[in-house]
Amino acid sequence: MKTMRLFKVFLDRGFSRENVAENVSVATKNGLNIELFDVSLKKLVVVEKAEIVKVDTLNEVLILKPVDS
């Protein structure tokens, strides 16, 4: 039996990490933004001007960082 991994998502600002969402199943890039969705594909949050820098399935963590536009 497969187990679904749900992510905690953090925005890494270099000096701190902000928890922006939990129980995330899908992350998509839309322009400069990252859209985060739950298992029912309900949009949880849009993180503006960010990029994905690390996907850690073992620890169920997704790390984003701000980008300059």
N, C-alpha and C. Protein backbone atom coordinates (compact mmCIF):
# COMPACT_ATOMS: atom_id res chain seq x y z
N MET A 1 0.84 -1.18 0.00
CA MET A 1 0.00 0.00 0.00
C MET A 1 0.89 1.24 0.00
N LYS A 2 0.54 2.19 -0.87
CA LYS A 2 1.29 3.45 -0.95
C LYS A 2 0.72 4.45 0.05
N THR A 3 1.62 5.23 0.61
CA THR A 3 1.22 6.28 1.55
C THR A 3 1.43 7.63 0.88
N MET A 4 0.42 8.49 0.94
CA MET A 4 0.54 9.82 0.36
C MET A 4 1.35 10.71 1.29
N ARG A 5 2.28 11.42 0.71
CA ARG A 5 3.09 12.38 1.46
C ARG A 5 2.51 13.77 1.29
N LEU A 6 2.22 14.42 2.38
CA LEU A 6 1.76 15.80 2.34
C LEU A 6 2.85 16.69 2.91
N PHE A 7 3.04 17.83 2.30
CA PHE A 7 4.16 18.69 2.63
C PHE A 7 3.80 19.84 3.55
N LYS A 8 4.78 20.20 4.38
CA LYS A 8 4.79 21.49 5.05
C LYS A 8 5.63 22.37 4.13
N VAL A 9 5.17 23.59 3.89
CA VAL A 9 5.86 24.48 2.96
C VAL A 9 6.39 25.68 3.73
N PHE A 10 7.67 25.96 3.51
CA PHE A 10 8.34 27.08 4.17
C PHE A 10 8.90 28.04 3.14
N LEU A 11 8.85 29.33 3.45
CA LEU A 11 9.50 30.35 2.65
C LEU A 11 10.78 30.73 3.37
N ASP A 12 11.92 30.42 2.75
CA ASP A 12 13.23 30.66 3.34
C ASP A 12 13.71 32.06 2.94
N ARG A 13 13.79 32.94 3.92
CA ARG A 13 14.23 34.31 3.66
C ARG A 13 15.71 34.51 3.99
N GLY A 14 16.43 33.40 4.20
CA GLY A 14 17.85 33.48 4.51
C GLY A 14 18.09 33.56 6.00
N PHE A 15 17.47 34.51 6.66
CA PHE A 15 17.64 34.68 8.10
C PHE A 15 16.54 33.99 8.90
N SER A 16 15.47 33.58 8.22
CA SER A 16 14.37 32.88 8.89
C SER A 16 13.56 32.09 7.88
N ARG A 17 12.78 31.13 8.39
CA ARG A 17 11.86 30.36 7.57
C ARG A 17 10.45 30.56 8.08
N GLU A 18 9.57 30.96 7.17
CA GLU A 18 8.17 31.19 7.50
C GLU A 18 7.34 30.00 7.01
N ASN A 19 6.55 29.41 7.89
CA ASN A 19 5.65 28.32 7.50
C ASN A 19 4.47 28.95 6.77
N VAL A 20 4.33 28.66 5.46
CA VAL A 20 3.27 29.29 4.67
C VAL A 20 2.08 28.37 4.43
N ALA A 21 2.27 27.04 4.59
CA ALA A 21 1.15 26.11 4.39
C ALA A 21 1.52 24.73 4.90
N GLU A 22 0.47 23.96 5.23
CA GLU A 22 0.65 22.56 5.64
C GLU A 22 -0.35 21.70 4.90
N ASN A 23 -0.09 20.40 4.87
CA ASN A 23 -0.95 19.43 4.19
C ASN A 23 -1.10 19.74 2.70
N VAL A 24 0.01 20.11 2.07
CA VAL A 24 0.05 20.44 0.66
C VAL A 24 0.34 19.18 -0.15
N SER A 25 -0.48 18.94 -1.18
CA SER A 25 -0.26 17.77 -2.04
C SER A 25 0.26 18.16 -3.42
N VAL A 26 -0.01 19.40 -3.86
CA VAL A 26 0.39 19.85 -5.20
C VAL A 26 0.94 21.26 -5.12
N ALA A 27 2.04 21.50 -5.84
CA ALA A 27 2.60 22.84 -5.98
C ALA A 27 2.80 23.10 -7.47
N THR A 28 2.32 24.24 -7.95
CA THR A 28 2.50 24.59 -9.35
C THR A 28 3.10 25.98 -9.46
N LYS A 29 3.89 26.17 -10.52
CA LYS A 29 4.47 27.49 -10.79
C LYS A 29 3.57 28.18 -11.80
N ASN A 30 3.19 29.39 -11.50
CA ASN A 30 2.35 30.20 -12.38
C ASN A 30 3.00 31.57 -12.50
N GLY A 31 3.78 31.75 -13.54
CA GLY A 31 4.57 32.98 -13.67
C GLY A 31 5.63 33.03 -12.60
N LEU A 32 5.64 34.08 -11.81
CA LEU A 32 6.59 34.20 -10.70
C LEU A 32 6.04 33.65 -9.40
N ASN A 33 4.82 33.11 -9.43
CA ASN A 33 4.15 32.66 -8.21
C ASN A 33 4.14 31.14 -8.09
N ILE A 34 4.06 30.66 -6.85
CA ILE A 34 3.89 29.24 -6.56
C ILE A 34 2.51 29.08 -5.93
N GLU A 35 1.67 28.24 -6.54
CA GLU A 35 0.33 27.97 -6.03
C GLU A 35 0.35 26.62 -5.31
N LEU A 36 -0.21 26.58 -4.10
CA LEU A 36 -0.20 25.38 -3.27
C LEU A 36 -1.62 24.88 -3.08
N PHE A 37 -1.81 23.55 -3.24
CA PHE A 37 -3.13 22.94 -3.20
C PHE A 37 -3.16 21.78 -2.20
N ASP A 38 -4.35 21.51 -1.66
CA ASP A 38 -4.52 20.35 -0.77
C ASP A 38 -4.92 19.12 -1.58
N VAL A 39 -5.25 18.02 -0.91
CA VAL A 39 -5.55 16.76 -1.61
C VAL A 39 -6.81 16.83 -2.45
N SER A 40 -7.73 17.73 -2.14
CA SER A 40 -8.94 17.88 -2.94
C SER A 40 -8.74 18.93 -4.04
N LEU A 41 -7.49 19.36 -4.22
CA LEU A 41 -7.09 20.37 -5.20
C LEU A 41 -7.69 21.75 -4.95
N LYS A 42 -8.02 21.99 -3.69
CA LYS A 42 -8.45 23.32 -3.26
C LYS A 42 -7.19 24.16 -3.07
N LYS A 43 -7.19 25.36 -3.67
CA LYS A 43 -6.03 26.24 -3.55
C LYS A 43 -5.93 26.73 -2.12
N LEU A 44 -4.78 26.47 -1.49
CA LEU A 44 -4.56 26.89 -0.11
C LEU A 44 -3.98 28.30 -0.04
N VAL A 45 -2.97 28.53 -0.87
CA VAL A 45 -2.26 29.82 -0.82
C VAL A 45 -1.49 30.02 -2.12
N VAL A 46 -1.26 31.27 -2.45
CA VAL A 46 -0.37 31.64 -3.54
C VAL A 46 0.80 32.40 -2.93
N VAL A 47 2.00 31.90 -3.15
CA VAL A 47 3.20 32.58 -2.66
C VAL A 47 3.75 33.37 -3.84
N GLU A 48 3.68 34.68 -3.73
CA GLU A 48 4.08 35.55 -4.83
C GLU A 48 5.59 35.72 -4.90
N LYS A 49 6.09 35.79 -6.12
CA LYS A 49 7.51 36.02 -6.40
C LYS A 49 8.39 35.04 -5.63
N ALA A 50 8.18 33.74 -5.90
CA ALA A 50 8.95 32.70 -5.21
C ALA A 50 9.33 31.59 -6.19
N GLU A 51 10.32 30.81 -5.79
CA GLU A 51 10.72 29.63 -6.55
C GLU A 51 10.94 28.47 -5.61
N ILE A 52 10.79 27.26 -6.13
CA ILE A 52 11.02 26.05 -5.35
C ILE A 52 12.52 25.77 -5.36
N VAL A 53 13.09 25.60 -4.16
CA VAL A 53 14.53 25.32 -4.07
C VAL A 53 14.82 23.93 -3.51
N LYS A 54 13.85 23.32 -2.81
CA LYS A 54 14.10 21.99 -2.26
C LYS A 54 12.78 21.26 -2.05
N VAL A 55 12.75 20.01 -2.50
CA VAL A 55 11.63 19.10 -2.24
C VAL A 55 12.20 17.93 -1.46
N ASP A 56 11.80 17.79 -0.20
CA ASP A 56 12.32 16.75 0.68
C ASP A 56 11.16 15.82 1.05
N THR A 57 11.01 14.72 0.29
CA THR A 57 9.89 13.81 0.54
C THR A 57 10.09 13.02 1.83
N LEU A 58 11.33 12.75 2.20
CA LEU A 58 11.59 12.00 3.42
C LEU A 58 11.07 12.74 4.65
N ASN A 59 11.31 14.04 4.68
CA ASN A 59 10.88 14.86 5.82
C ASN A 59 9.59 15.62 5.55
N GLU A 60 9.02 15.42 4.37
CA GLU A 60 7.74 16.04 3.98
C GLU A 60 7.80 17.56 4.04
N VAL A 61 8.88 18.11 3.46
CA VAL A 61 9.10 19.56 3.49
C VAL A 61 9.36 20.05 2.06
N LEU A 62 8.76 21.19 1.75
CA LEU A 62 8.99 21.89 0.49
C LEU A 62 9.49 23.29 0.84
N ILE A 63 10.64 23.66 0.31
CA ILE A 63 11.26 24.95 0.63
C ILE A 63 11.17 25.87 -0.59
N LEU A 64 10.65 27.07 -0.34
CA LEU A 64 10.59 28.12 -1.36
C LEU A 64 11.53 29.24 -0.96
N LYS A 65 11.92 30.05 -1.93
CA LYS A 65 12.66 31.26 -1.59
C LYS A 65 12.14 32.39 -2.46
N PRO A 66 12.19 33.60 -1.93
CA PRO A 66 11.74 34.76 -2.72
C PRO A 66 12.68 34.98 -3.92
N VAL A 67 12.12 35.49 -5.00
CA VAL A 67 12.93 35.86 -6.17
C VAL A 67 12.71 37.33 -6.47
N ASP A 68 13.72 37.96 -7.03
CA ASP A 68 13.59 39.34 -7.47
C ASP A 68 12.90 39.34 -8.81
N SER A 69 11.99 40.26 -9.00
CA SER A 69 11.26 40.33 -10.28
C SER A 69 11.98 41.18 -11.29
